[in-house]
Protein backbone atom coordinates (compact mmCIF):
# COMPACT_ATOMS: atom_id res chain seq x y z
CA MET A 1 -4.20 3.08 -10.39
CA THR A 2 -1.49 5.01 -9.79
CA ASP A 3 1.03 5.88 -12.60
CA ALA A 4 3.76 4.91 -10.74
CA LEU A 5 2.25 1.31 -9.90
CA GLN A 6 1.06 1.03 -13.50
CA ALA A 7 4.55 1.59 -14.95
CA THR A 8 6.00 -1.10 -12.59
CA GLU A 9 2.97 -3.56 -13.56
CA VAL A 10 3.82 -2.80 -17.13
CA LEU A 11 7.51 -3.26 -16.66
CA GLY A 12 6.92 -6.44 -14.58
CA ALA A 13 4.47 -8.02 -16.91
CA SER A 14 6.98 -7.39 -20.13
CA GLY A 15 8.14 -10.44 -21.48
CA ALA A 16 6.85 -12.42 -18.68
CA SER A 17 5.38 -15.87 -19.69
CA ALA A 18 5.32 -17.79 -16.58
CA PRO A 19 2.87 -17.28 -13.39
CA ARG A 20 3.60 -13.78 -11.59
CA VAL A 21 1.72 -11.18 -9.12
CA ALA A 22 0.33 -8.66 -11.19
CA LEU A 23 -0.88 -5.45 -9.51
CA GLU A 24 -4.66 -6.76 -10.30
CA ASP A 25 -3.95 -9.66 -8.20
CA ILE A 26 -3.01 -7.60 -5.30
CA LYS A 27 -6.11 -4.95 -5.66
CA ASN A 28 -8.38 -8.03 -5.81
CA LYS A 29 -7.26 -9.47 -2.55
CA ILE A 30 -8.07 -6.04 -0.58
CA ALA A 31 -11.18 -6.26 1.38
CA GLU A 32 -10.85 -3.01 3.27
CA GLN A 33 -8.99 0.37 3.01
CA TYR A 34 -8.82 3.09 4.98
CA TYR A 35 -6.99 6.82 5.06
CA PHE A 36 -6.40 8.90 7.71
CA THR A 37 -3.48 11.33 8.91
CA ALA A 38 -1.61 10.49 12.43
CA GLY A 39 -2.97 14.21 13.62
CA GLU A 40 -6.63 12.77 13.02
CA ALA A 41 -5.97 9.54 15.17
CA VAL A 42 -4.20 11.50 18.01
CA ARG A 43 -7.25 13.71 18.13
CA ALA A 44 -9.68 10.72 18.16
CA LEU A 45 -7.99 9.55 21.14
CA ALA A 46 -8.49 12.88 22.83
CA LYS A 47 -4.81 13.82 23.04
CA PRO A 48 -3.14 16.96 22.58
CA GLU A 49 -2.79 18.50 19.08
CA ASP A 50 0.40 18.22 17.10
CA ALA A 51 0.32 19.95 13.83
CA ALA A 52 3.34 18.19 12.60
CA LEU A 53 1.31 14.90 12.77
CA ASP A 54 -1.32 16.49 10.16
CA VAL A 55 1.25 15.92 7.21
CA LEU A 56 1.57 12.30 7.79
CA THR A 57 -1.00 10.22 5.82
CA LEU A 58 -1.73 6.58 6.65
CA CYS A 59 -3.18 4.10 4.44
CA VAL A 60 -4.42 0.61 6.25
CA LEU A 61 -5.34 -1.94 3.81
CA LYS A 62 -7.04 -4.88 5.19
CA MET A 63 -6.65 -8.21 2.91
CA ASP A 64 -9.16 -10.90 2.19
CA ASN A 65 -7.46 -13.29 4.65
CA GLY A 66 -7.23 -10.71 7.44
CA PHE A 67 -3.56 -9.63 6.92
CA ILE A 68 -3.12 -5.94 7.54
CA VAL A 69 -0.57 -3.32 6.10
CA ILE A 70 0.16 0.09 6.98
CA GLY A 71 1.48 2.41 4.08
CA LYS A 72 2.69 5.83 4.97
CA SER A 73 3.57 9.01 3.45
CA ALA A 74 4.66 12.41 4.58
CA PRO A 75 6.27 15.47 2.83
CA ALA A 76 9.69 16.57 4.04
CA SER A 77 8.19 20.18 4.17
CA PRO A 78 4.74 20.29 5.79
CA GLU A 79 4.11 23.36 3.39
CA ASN A 80 3.93 20.51 0.67
CA PHE A 81 1.29 18.57 2.35
CA ASP A 82 -1.71 17.68 -0.37
CA ALA A 83 -4.14 15.39 1.22
CA GLU A 84 -4.78 13.63 -2.13
CA LYS A 85 -1.02 13.02 -2.81
CA GLY A 86 -0.55 11.92 0.51
CA ARG A 87 -3.30 8.98 0.37
CA THR A 88 -1.68 8.12 -3.19
CA PHE A 89 1.63 7.67 -2.02
CA ALA A 90 0.29 5.93 1.39
CA PHE A 91 -1.65 3.54 -0.98
CA GLU A 92 1.53 3.14 -3.34
CA ASP A 93 3.45 2.12 0.22
CA ALA A 94 1.31 -0.30 1.27
CA ILE A 95 1.04 -2.03 -2.45
CA ARG A 96 4.70 -2.12 -2.53
CA GLN A 97 4.92 -3.93 0.78
CA LEU A 98 2.44 -6.66 -0.25
CA TRP A 99 4.25 -7.20 -3.90
CA PRO A 100 6.92 -9.42 -2.32
CA LEU A 101 4.66 -11.09 -0.01
CA MET A 102 2.49 -11.98 -2.47
CA GLY A 103 5.37 -13.19 -4.51
CA PHE A 104 6.50 -15.22 -1.85
CA ALA A 105 3.07 -17.10 -1.42
CA LEU A 106 2.99 -17.67 -5.30
CA ARG A 107 6.63 -18.99 -5.05
CA GLU A 108 5.34 -21.33 -2.30
CA ARG A 109 2.45 -22.71 -4.40
CA LEU A 110 4.80 -22.97 -7.67
CA SER A 111 7.61 -25.06 -5.69
CA ALA A 112 4.41 -27.55 -4.01
CA ASP A 113 3.07 -28.02 -7.58
CA ASP A 114 7.12 -29.05 -8.56
CA ALA A 115 7.36 -31.62 -5.78
């Protein structure tokens, strides 16, 4: 778990007494995860190389229900590219997309219980 996501989790849990979407809830729903750069994907398709694509990191998360989210990360300066950081930031981007979706699903369940 990244420090940034952990900080978000701690802040969100602070004082919460009602049902909420926790970071662990999201992580438990991930069935598969893949990391690659756009450059690797282009080369796999036997397309001409483009070095600029080698700094765009993608994280594909397949959820246990089959839903797919794509996180991305790229530095402004290619010289700052770090593969590990790219994977971390791309994962965070994907998780941050899932959080509101799972919040919506939780709200749907809660509203059905209220009816």
